[in-house]
Every structure is written in structure tokens, then in C-alpha cells.
Amino acid sequence: MKVFLDSVGCRLNQSEIERIGRDFRLAGCELVGDPAQADLAVINTCTVTRRADADSRQKTRQAARAGVDQIILTGCWATLEEQSALGLPKVIRVVKNDDKSRLVPDLLGQPPDLFNQEPLQREPLPGSRMRTRAFIKVQDGCNNRCAFCVTTLARGSALSLPAASVLDEVRAALRGGSQEIVLCGVHLGSWGKDLSRGSSLRDLIQLILEETDIPRLRLSSLEPWNLDANFFSLWQDPRLCSHLHLPLQSGSNATLRRMARKTSQDDFSKLIKAARAAIPDVAITTDIIVGFPGETKEEFEESLTFVEAMDFAGGHVFTYSEREGTPAASFDHAIPISVRRERSAVMRAAFARSAEHYRHAFIGKILPVLWESTTDLGEAGWQLSGLTGNYLRVKVSGVENRWNQISDVEIVRPVKGVLQGRVITNHSV
């Protein structure tokens, strides 16, 4: 059977679709990068915003139009909107998040034990999802109840994967040639809290660094609690990528309280200061929601001022979207859509300025870059695009294809949101 896999949304969703792909390979199926070639499509959906809902539906319709006769939907949108999902063309089944790990054995009628052995080498998915980085799920769910968040409804309480299982997945990815591992979770910083007493994300990171020869280890989003200044001492190991994504959601204390976020301006700024003191040139990025119910003009301006003061290396701005079943959906004082959009544009502009300022600081420096994509330009050579450890996009022109290699690159100039560079030497293979 030929199977096409796709995913909408976060890195956790990507890690799950990669794991599903591994299970299909174990069962003897062929993964294809074009839905027109597939007998079956599996799409991991997202519902974090209304746009994510729409993207999930669009991906499904695109697969159906391409000629796939059988489509299975899983993930957060399909879990919460099962009947709507089943009503889409060619959808034969919805697999809810709780059953996602058993999707392949249940579908094929094969014993689950077949899929619990030491994993195959973890290879990139074919087609547009082909990656040099492997996304490894280490944690799911969340015990926090932020007022705007629908994810806890779709994924439930926090659950950590055992360290031994994570280590097996990391080794499988390294056998498959991955140069960078990204640890993913809904609330990654809570890893280990539900395992043996005293287990923490710090322990998991140390284990991976000590037990493998991993070239690069990156962390996905970390909530700005469950962390302390000592956590950042881990970055003494240069294999740990110097990028932290710490979702703030608002720079106004009043808004943060209504959101039920477990942080404040003071706590967050202290955390940022500790990270920058411990990790040279660290890139700190964040998420901000604008237009949350009750966000006054003064609160928005306070949030904007705080964001500017933090001098982030970049960030995502989300225009608040009511999600049914969340506390915030019933809050009074909804902000008009037009005002939300105006605030979003202002906040995005602030992030664009701070990101450009961060990129400019690396002109003339030499940084290791992992090449994620390469384009053959013919006689002109190759166009290479990749990421530094601190998550800067770099492009160079070269005489050879260096896909999935790490090269030292001298940063020459910023151009349209990326950095142009010049390869110095091959860093590793």
C-alpha cells in the first residue's frame, strides 16, 4: 500500500506524523510524497486557531482532489470536531489523539507488539516534508488551563514518555542520518513530573547528550515556568542549540492574569536575563496574542512596550480567536475584529524590527549552518538554505550540494529577512 502523510500546525504534530510514517514502514508500506500516487492519506490536524481549522480542512480536500480514495484524519481538530471531519470528502475514519499511537496497527490489523520493538532508523518523510531535522515527541498534554487554549481539551493531561523510549527514538533518528534532533511536547518543560520523583527535562537533555553523539539538539517551545537560572547551564555543551522559544502571550500583567498564565513581566524579564547571561548570542523568540477579551488600549500599549524592551530575536503574533469550550470564549468585552487586526499589524512590525536588529549583530561572524534545502542552479552551482544553531536562516551559493551537512559560514549581509553568507569549510557530515 502506498501512503501519503501530511501535517498541520506545531512541531509536535510533525513529530507524530514522522512516527506514524515509521510504523507504516515497519508494516511494509511505501511512503510517497505525492498524494496522486497514494492509496491512503493520513493527515494530522490542528485546531489552535480558526486558521488552523481551515488549513486542516483544506489539506483534506486537496488530498481528495488529488485522487486519494481513502483519507484518515487524526490530531486536535479531528478529535474535537469528529462529525465535521467525517463529513469531508473521502474521509473514512477519524482517529482521536488518545488512539493516535495505535493508528497503524489498528488500521492494518497487526499486533501492537510488532511496533514496540527497537525502532527502525527514522528517515525523513518524502516530498515537501523531507527534513534534515527529526522531531521527537517526548511529552503530550498539559495540566495548565490557560483561558484561551483549546489544546488541553484535545490532548488532555500532561504525560511524559519514558526516557528509555525517547533515547531509542533519538538513536533511530541518528541512524537515519538526522543531524539535528528537536524535542517536542505540548508542555515540554513539564517532562518528568509524572515519572519518578525528581525527574526533569534537564535530566532528559543530559541523558541524550551523554549517551549519544548527536551533532545538534534543539528544544521546541518551553513555557516560561518550570525553569530556573540553573537550567541554562546545560548550554555549556555546544551541541545544544542556542535558541529558546518562550511563549509570553502578553506583555501586560492584567492581561496575563485574565489569561491564567503563570508568569508576569518581572518573572519573564528575569528569566530572559538569566538565559542571556548563560548562553552567548542566544536567540529568544516568543508568542503574543493580541485582542484578548478585555484588552484595553492601555494594556495593548503596555504589552507592546514590554515586547520592544525584551528585544526578541523574533516571534509569532496571534490575533485572538474564540475557541469553543475555552473559558475565554465566554469572557465579556470582546475586542472588535478590526481592532484585533490593527493591533496584530503593529505588534508584527515591532517583532520585524527586533528580528532585523538581532540578525545584523552577526554580520562578519562565522556560524555553523545545517543545510536543509538545496537547489541545483546548473552551471551557476547550488543555492543552499539552512539554519544556524540560534535559528537564523542563511543562504549561500556554492559549487557543491551540501544537503544535510553542517558548514561553517561567514555571514556577509542581511537580505529580505535572511542572511547571505559564504561557506568557509565543511563543519561535519
Protein backbone atom coordinates (compact mmCIF):
# COMPACT_ATOMS: atom_id res chain seq x y z
CA MET A 1 0.00 0.00 0.00
CA LYS A 2 1.21 3.49 -0.88
CA VAL A 3 0.66 6.08 1.87
CA PHE A 4 0.80 9.88 1.78
CA LEU A 5 1.32 11.69 5.11
CA ASP A 6 0.77 15.36 5.92
CA SER A 7 0.50 17.54 8.99
CA VAL A 8 -0.85 20.94 10.02
CA GLY A 9 0.40 23.03 12.91
CA CYS A 10 3.10 22.60 15.51
CA ARG A 11 6.32 20.64 15.73
CA LEU A 12 4.59 18.13 17.98
CA ASN A 13 2.22 17.30 15.13
CA GLN A 14 5.22 16.91 12.83
CA SER A 15 6.91 14.54 15.28
CA GLU A 16 3.75 12.44 15.44
CA ILE A 17 3.37 12.18 11.67
CA GLU A 18 7.03 11.11 11.43
CA ARG A 19 6.34 8.37 13.99
CA ILE A 20 3.25 7.25 12.05
CA GLY A 21 5.42 7.10 8.94
CA ARG A 22 7.89 4.86 10.76
CA ASP A 23 5.06 2.50 11.72
CA PHE A 24 3.84 2.29 8.13
CA ARG A 25 7.38 1.45 7.01
CA LEU A 26 7.59 -1.25 9.68
CA ALA A 27 4.39 -2.73 8.28
CA GLY A 28 5.88 -2.86 4.78
CA CYS A 29 4.01 0.09 3.28
CA GLU A 30 5.55 2.59 0.87
CA LEU A 31 5.53 6.28 1.76
CA VAL A 32 5.02 8.65 -1.17
CA GLY A 33 5.46 12.42 -1.42
CA ASP A 34 2.63 12.99 -3.90
CA PRO A 35 -1.00 12.31 -2.89
CA ALA A 36 -1.80 11.48 -6.52
CA GLN A 37 0.31 8.33 -6.10
CA ALA A 38 -1.27 7.25 -2.80
CA ASP A 39 -3.87 4.63 -1.91
CA LEU A 40 -4.28 6.17 1.53
CA ALA A 41 -3.63 9.57 3.09
CA VAL A 42 -3.21 10.30 6.81
CA ILE A 43 -3.42 13.95 7.88
CA ASN A 44 -2.58 15.18 11.39
CA THR A 45 -4.85 18.18 12.00
CA CYS A 46 -4.61 21.27 14.23
CA THR A 47 -7.17 23.50 15.96
CA VAL A 48 -5.10 26.10 17.80
CA THR A 49 -6.79 28.88 15.77
CA ARG A 50 -9.62 29.17 13.28
CA ARG A 51 -6.98 29.42 10.58
CA ALA A 52 -5.59 26.05 11.68
CA ASP A 53 -9.09 24.57 11.42
CA ALA A 54 -9.38 25.91 7.88
CA ASP A 55 -5.92 24.64 6.94
CA SER A 56 -6.83 21.16 8.21
CA ARG A 57 -9.96 21.08 6.07
CA GLN A 58 -8.06 22.44 3.07
CA LYS A 59 -5.33 19.78 3.32
CA THR A 60 -8.02 17.11 3.38
CA ARG A 61 -9.83 18.47 0.32
CA GLN A 62 -6.54 18.82 -1.55
CA ALA A 63 -5.73 15.16 -0.94
CA ALA A 64 -9.21 14.14 -2.12
CA ARG A 65 -8.91 16.25 -5.28
CA ALA A 66 -5.53 14.66 -5.98
CA GLY A 67 -7.26 11.31 -6.22
CA VAL A 68 -6.78 9.68 -2.81
CA ASP A 69 -9.75 7.39 -2.24
CA GLN A 70 -9.22 6.82 1.49
CA ILE A 71 -8.28 9.52 3.99
CA ILE A 72 -7.77 9.14 7.72
CA LEU A 73 -7.81 12.25 9.89
CA THR A 74 -6.23 12.48 13.32
CA GLY A 75 -4.97 15.30 15.53
CA CYS A 76 -6.63 18.07 17.53
CA TRP A 77 -9.22 19.40 15.05
CA ALA A 78 -10.40 15.93 14.08
CA THR A 79 -10.58 14.94 17.77
CA LEU A 80 -12.80 17.88 18.74
CA GLU A 81 -14.83 18.05 15.50
CA GLU A 82 -15.24 14.38 14.64
CA GLN A 83 -18.53 14.68 12.74
CA SER A 84 -17.31 17.64 10.69
CA ALA A 85 -14.14 15.70 9.88
CA LEU A 86 -16.09 12.63 8.81
CA GLY A 87 -18.18 14.83 6.51
CA LEU A 88 -15.19 15.82 4.38
CA PRO A 89 -14.70 14.07 1.02
CA LYS A 90 -13.02 10.64 1.06
CA VAL A 91 -12.59 10.61 4.86
CA ILE A 92 -13.15 7.05 6.03
CA ARG A 93 -12.04 7.30 9.64
CA VAL A 94 -11.18 9.71 12.44
CA VAL A 95 -8.53 8.57 14.91
CA LYS A 96 -8.63 10.66 18.07
CA ASN A 97 -5.49 11.80 19.83
CA ASP A 98 -5.80 9.15 22.56
CA ASP A 99 -5.66 6.42 19.89
CA LYS A 100 -3.10 8.02 17.59
CA SER A 101 -0.18 5.86 18.73
CA ARG A 102 -2.16 2.77 17.65
CA LEU A 103 -3.30 4.18 14.30
CA VAL A 104 -1.23 1.89 12.08
CA PRO A 105 -1.61 -1.43 13.93
CA ASP A 106 -5.37 -0.85 14.34
CA LEU A 107 -5.75 0.08 10.66
CA LEU A 108 -3.80 -2.90 9.38
CA GLY A 109 -5.00 -5.39 11.98
CA GLN A 110 -1.46 -6.17 13.13
CA PRO A 111 -0.35 -6.85 16.72
CA PRO A 112 0.84 -3.74 18.57
CA ASP A 113 3.93 -5.64 19.78
CA LEU A 114 5.28 -5.50 16.22
CA PHE A 115 5.60 -1.74 16.58
CA ASN A 116 7.05 -1.67 20.09
CA GLN A 117 10.42 -3.16 19.16
CA GLU A 118 13.52 -1.01 18.83
CA PRO A 119 12.56 1.49 16.12
CA LEU A 120 13.80 1.43 12.56
CA GLN A 121 16.13 4.16 11.55
CA ARG A 122 13.99 7.28 11.38
CA GLU A 123 14.05 8.62 7.83
CA PRO A 124 12.69 11.94 6.54
CA LEU A 125 9.23 11.76 5.00
CA PRO A 126 9.27 12.04 1.20
CA GLY A 127 8.04 15.08 -0.69
CA SER A 128 7.73 18.57 0.76
CA ARG A 129 8.10 17.23 4.31
CA MET A 130 11.62 15.90 3.72
CA ARG A 131 13.78 17.28 6.53
CA THR A 132 17.28 17.15 7.91
CA ARG A 133 15.90 17.62 11.42
CA ALA A 134 13.99 14.91 13.29
CA PHE A 135 11.14 15.96 15.55
CA ILE A 136 10.89 13.65 18.56
CA LYS A 137 7.80 13.68 20.77
CA VAL A 138 8.77 13.36 24.43
CA GLN A 139 5.67 14.72 26.14
CA ASP A 140 1.96 15.27 25.47
CA GLY A 141 -0.91 17.14 27.13
CA CYS A 142 -0.82 19.91 29.69
CA ASN A 143 -2.04 20.44 33.26
CA ASN A 144 -2.23 24.21 32.90
CA ARG A 145 -5.56 25.73 31.98
CA CYS A 146 -4.75 28.93 30.12
CA ALA A 147 -8.04 30.64 29.37
CA PHE A 148 -7.56 30.79 25.60
CA CYS A 149 -6.11 27.31 25.00
CA VAL A 150 -8.11 24.62 23.23
CA THR A 151 -5.18 22.22 23.07
CA THR A 152 -5.75 20.89 26.59
CA LEU A 153 -9.28 19.93 25.53
CA ALA A 154 -7.93 17.97 22.58
CA ARG A 155 -4.89 16.40 24.25
CA GLY A 156 -5.75 16.06 27.93
CA SER A 157 -3.45 15.99 30.94
CA ALA A 158 0.35 16.05 30.85
CA LEU A 159 2.04 12.76 30.08
CA SER A 160 5.78 12.15 29.74
CA LEU A 161 7.30 9.47 27.55
CA PRO A 162 9.88 7.33 29.43
CA ALA A 163 13.48 8.40 28.96
CA ALA A 164 14.45 5.00 27.52
CA SER A 165 11.81 5.32 24.79
CA VAL A 166 12.98 8.82 23.94
CA LEU A 167 16.56 7.63 23.74
CA ASP A 168 15.54 4.83 21.36
CA GLU A 169 13.81 7.35 19.08
CA VAL A 170 16.81 9.67 19.11
CA ARG A 171 19.17 6.84 18.20
CA ALA A 172 16.81 5.76 15.40
CA ALA A 173 16.86 9.28 14.00
CA LEU A 174 20.64 9.42 14.16
CA ARG A 175 20.87 6.09 12.34
CA GLY A 176 18.67 7.62 9.66
CA GLY A 177 21.17 10.44 9.16
CA SER A 178 19.49 13.28 11.06
CA GLN A 179 21.96 15.99 12.01
CA GLU A 180 19.59 17.71 14.44
CA ILE A 181 17.04 16.38 16.92
CA VAL A 182 14.17 18.61 18.11
CA LEU A 183 12.47 17.59 21.35
CA CYS A 184 8.73 18.36 21.23
CA GLY A 185 5.79 18.45 23.62
CA VAL A 186 2.67 20.42 24.47
CA HIS A 187 4.31 21.48 27.75
CA LEU A 188 7.87 20.34 27.20
CA GLY A 189 9.17 21.90 30.41
CA SER A 190 6.93 19.61 32.48
CA TRP A 191 8.65 16.46 31.21
CA GLY A 192 9.30 14.01 34.03
CA LYS A 193 6.89 15.50 36.57
CA ASP A 194 4.63 12.44 36.21
CA LEU A 195 7.52 9.95 36.23
CA SER A 196 9.86 9.06 39.07
CA ARG A 197 10.31 11.66 41.77
CA GLY A 198 12.76 14.36 40.82
CA SER A 199 12.81 13.64 37.08
CA SER A 200 13.06 16.78 34.96
CA LEU A 201 13.65 17.96 31.43
CA ARG A 202 17.19 18.79 32.48
CA ASP A 203 17.78 15.08 33.24
CA LEU A 204 16.46 14.05 29.83
CA ILE A 205 18.66 16.54 27.99
CA GLN A 206 21.74 15.44 29.92
CA LEU A 207 20.97 11.79 29.17
CA ILE A 208 20.72 12.41 25.43
CA LEU A 209 23.93 14.44 25.35
CA GLU A 210 25.82 11.84 27.40
CA GLU A 211 24.52 8.70 25.69
CA THR A 212 24.63 9.76 22.02
CA ASP A 213 26.96 11.50 19.60
CA ILE A 214 24.15 13.80 18.47
CA PRO A 215 25.51 16.72 16.39
CA ARG A 216 22.72 19.11 17.41
CA LEU A 217 19.93 19.04 19.98
CA ARG A 218 17.19 21.66 19.87
CA LEU A 219 14.24 22.30 22.19
CA SER A 220 10.83 23.29 20.92
CA SER A 221 8.57 25.71 22.78
CA LEU A 222 9.10 25.99 26.56
CA GLU A 223 6.59 27.67 28.84
CA PRO A 224 8.37 30.33 30.96
CA TRP A 225 7.79 28.44 34.19
CA ASN A 226 9.22 25.14 35.47
CA LEU A 227 12.58 26.66 34.52
CA ASP A 228 15.22 28.25 36.70
CA ALA A 229 18.53 30.00 36.05
CA ASN A 230 20.45 26.78 36.63
CA PHE A 231 18.64 25.16 33.70
CA PHE A 232 20.61 27.32 31.28
CA SER A 233 23.94 25.89 32.43
CA LEU A 234 23.16 22.95 30.12
CA TRP A 235 24.22 25.15 27.21
CA GLN A 236 27.85 24.70 28.19
CA ASP A 237 27.59 21.78 25.78
CA PRO A 238 27.83 23.42 22.32
CA ARG A 239 25.66 20.73 20.74
CA LEU A 240 22.61 22.25 22.44
CA CYS A 241 21.23 24.83 20.01
CA SER A 242 21.25 28.38 21.35
CA HIS A 243 17.60 29.14 20.63
CA LEU A 244 14.82 29.38 23.21
CA HIS A 245 11.17 29.83 22.28
CA LEU A 246 9.44 31.06 25.43
CA PRO A 247 5.75 31.90 24.86
CA LEU A 248 4.78 35.05 26.75
CA GLN A 249 1.30 35.69 25.18
CA SER A 250 1.03 39.23 26.57
CA GLY A 251 3.30 41.90 27.97
CA SER A 252 0.54 43.25 30.21
CA ASN A 253 0.24 41.84 33.71
CA ALA A 254 -3.51 42.44 33.78
CA THR A 255 -3.99 40.54 30.53
CA LEU A 256 -1.74 37.73 31.72
CA ARG A 257 -3.89 37.30 34.82
CA ARG A 258 -7.08 37.05 32.74
CA MET A 259 -5.31 34.52 30.51
CA ALA A 260 -4.40 32.47 33.64
CA ARG A 261 -0.75 32.50 32.62
CA LYS A 262 1.75 31.56 35.34
CA THR A 263 4.15 34.39 34.63
CA SER A 264 4.46 38.16 34.89
CA GLN A 265 6.56 40.92 33.41
CA ASP A 266 9.02 40.67 36.29
CA ASP A 267 9.32 36.87 36.23
CA PHE A 268 9.68 36.77 32.47
CA SER A 269 12.30 39.51 32.27
CA LYS A 270 14.38 37.80 34.99
CA LEU A 271 14.24 34.54 33.05
CA ILE A 272 15.37 36.28 29.86
CA LYS A 273 18.23 37.97 31.70
CA ALA A 274 19.41 34.64 33.16
CA ALA A 275 19.28 32.95 29.75
CA ARG A 276 21.27 35.69 28.05
CA ALA A 277 23.86 35.67 30.83
CA ALA A 278 24.41 31.92 30.44
CA ILE A 279 24.12 31.44 26.65
CA PRO A 280 26.18 33.73 24.40
CA ASP A 281 24.25 35.09 21.39
CA VAL A 282 21.13 33.14 22.38
CA ALA A 283 18.08 33.75 20.19
CA ILE A 284 14.97 34.21 22.32
CA THR A 285 11.66 34.16 20.49
CA THR A 286 8.10 34.23 21.79
CA ASP A 287 4.37 34.15 21.06
CA ILE A 288 2.00 37.07 21.62
CA ILE A 289 -1.79 37.13 21.44
CA VAL A 290 -3.43 40.47 20.60
CA GLY A 291 -7.09 41.33 21.03
CA PHE A 292 -7.71 39.05 24.01
CA PRO A 293 -11.09 39.82 25.64
CA GLY A 294 -10.87 42.93 27.78
CA GLU A 295 -7.51 44.05 26.34
CA THR A 296 -7.79 47.81 26.62
CA LYS A 297 -5.80 50.24 24.52
CA GLU A 298 -3.57 50.85 27.53
CA GLU A 299 -2.98 47.13 28.08
CA PHE A 300 -2.06 46.64 24.43
CA GLU A 301 0.38 49.55 24.57
CA GLU A 302 1.87 48.12 27.77
CA SER A 303 2.28 44.77 26.04
CA LEU A 304 3.89 46.41 23.01
CA THR A 305 6.32 48.39 25.17
CA PHE A 306 7.34 45.26 27.08
CA VAL A 307 7.89 43.29 23.86
CA GLU A 308 10.08 46.07 22.49
CA ALA A 309 12.07 46.20 25.74
CA MET A 310 12.75 42.42 25.61
CA ASP A 311 14.44 42.82 22.20
CA PHE A 312 13.35 39.39 20.96
CA ALA A 313 15.08 37.68 18.05
CA GLY A 314 11.63 37.18 16.54
CA GLY A 315 8.17 36.00 17.42
CA HIS A 316 4.73 34.87 16.35
CA VAL A 317 1.72 37.16 16.69
CA PHE A 318 -1.70 35.54 17.01
CA THR A 319 -4.88 37.53 16.56
CA TYR A 320 -7.14 36.23 19.31
CA SER A 321 -9.58 33.64 18.05
CA GLU A 322 -12.51 32.41 20.15
CA ARG A 323 -12.30 28.66 20.66
CA GLU A 324 -15.46 26.88 21.81
CA GLY A 325 -15.07 25.20 25.20
CA THR A 326 -12.33 27.50 26.49
CA PRO A 327 -13.03 29.90 29.41
CA ALA A 328 -12.10 32.95 27.33
CA ALA A 329 -14.83 32.20 24.79
CA SER A 330 -17.40 33.35 27.36
CA PHE A 331 -15.48 36.40 28.61
CA ASP A 332 -17.11 39.83 28.30
CA HIS A 333 -15.65 42.81 26.47
CA ALA A 334 -14.75 41.14 23.20
CA ILE A 335 -12.43 43.23 21.05
CA PRO A 336 -13.76 44.17 17.59
CA ILE A 337 -12.15 42.16 14.78
CA SER A 338 -10.92 45.33 13.08
CA VAL A 339 -9.12 46.42 16.26
CA ARG A 340 -7.57 42.97 16.68
CA ARG A 341 -6.18 43.17 13.16
CA GLU A 342 -4.80 46.65 13.69
CA ARG A 343 -3.04 45.58 16.88
CA SER A 344 -1.69 42.48 15.16
CA ALA A 345 -0.09 44.60 12.42
CA VAL A 346 1.53 46.91 14.98
CA MET A 347 2.89 44.00 17.02
CA ARG A 348 4.20 42.20 13.91
CA ALA A 349 6.06 45.34 12.89
CA ALA A 350 7.70 45.51 16.32
CA PHE A 351 8.88 41.90 16.00
CA ALA A 352 10.18 42.57 12.49
CA ARG A 353 12.31 45.44 13.81
CA SER A 354 13.75 43.43 16.70
CA ALA A 355 14.43 40.41 14.46
CA GLU A 356 16.30 42.59 11.98
CA HIS A 357 18.33 44.08 14.82
CA TYR A 358 19.25 40.60 16.04
CA ARG A 359 20.29 39.41 12.56
CA HIS A 360 22.51 42.46 11.99
CA ALA A 361 24.59 41.55 15.06
CA PHE A 362 26.02 38.53 13.20
CA ILE A 363 27.36 40.25 10.10
CA GLY A 364 31.03 39.29 9.75
CA LYS A 365 30.76 36.38 12.19
CA ILE A 366 31.28 32.70 11.37
CA LEU A 367 28.38 30.38 12.27
CA PRO A 368 27.75 26.65 11.69
CA VAL A 369 24.78 26.10 9.38
CA LEU A 370 22.82 22.89 8.77
CA TRP A 371 21.71 22.85 5.12
CA GLU A 372 18.03 21.91 4.89
CA SER A 373 17.37 22.56 1.21
CA THR A 374 19.50 22.74 -1.92
CA THR A 375 18.58 23.86 -5.41
CA ASP A 376 20.61 22.93 -8.48
CA LEU A 377 21.22 26.10 -10.47
CA GLY A 378 23.07 24.32 -13.28
CA GLU A 379 26.35 25.88 -14.30
CA ALA A 380 25.88 28.55 -11.62
CA GLY A 381 26.24 25.91 -8.90
CA TRP A 382 23.89 25.35 -5.96
CA GLN A 383 21.66 27.58 -3.87
CA LEU A 384 21.83 26.35 -0.25
CA SER A 385 19.43 27.28 2.56
CA GLY A 386 19.77 26.27 6.19
CA LEU A 387 19.63 27.20 9.85
CA THR A 388 22.20 28.20 12.41
CA GLY A 389 22.05 26.86 15.95
CA ASN A 390 20.40 30.12 17.01
CA TYR A 391 17.73 29.68 14.35
CA LEU A 392 18.86 32.20 11.76
CA ARG A 393 18.01 31.40 8.15
CA VAL A 394 21.15 31.53 5.98
CA LYS A 395 21.50 31.26 2.19
CA VAL A 396 24.66 30.83 0.15
CA SER A 397 25.65 29.96 -3.40
CA GLY A 398 28.09 27.06 -3.64
CA VAL A 399 29.81 24.72 -6.03
CA GLU A 400 28.54 21.54 -4.38
CA ASN A 401 25.39 20.08 -2.90
CA ARG A 402 25.79 20.07 0.90
CA TRP A 403 22.28 18.92 1.86
CA ASN A 404 22.16 17.57 5.43
CA GLN A 405 25.71 18.70 6.14
CA ILE A 406 26.89 21.33 8.60
CA SER A 407 29.21 24.00 7.23
CA ASP A 408 30.95 26.97 8.79
CA VAL A 409 29.63 30.10 7.10
CA GLU A 410 30.80 33.70 7.23
CA ILE A 411 27.75 35.95 7.43
CA VAL A 412 28.02 38.67 4.79
CA ARG A 413 24.77 40.65 4.73
CA PRO A 414 21.05 40.51 5.59
CA VAL A 415 18.67 40.31 2.62
CA LYS A 416 14.87 40.24 2.95
CA GLY A 417 14.69 38.56 6.35
CA VAL A 418 17.53 36.06 5.79
CA LEU A 419 21.31 36.21 5.96
CA GLN A 420 23.55 35.83 2.93
CA GLY A 421 26.82 34.06 3.64
CA ARG A 422 29.96 32.43 2.30
CA VAL A 423 30.96 28.85 3.09
CA ILE A 424 34.29 28.67 4.93
CA THR A 425 34.77 24.95 5.44
CA ASN A 426 32.80 21.75 5.97
CA HIS A 427 31.96 21.52 9.69
CA SER A 428 30.85 17.89 9.80
CA VAL A 429 28.99 15.25 7.81
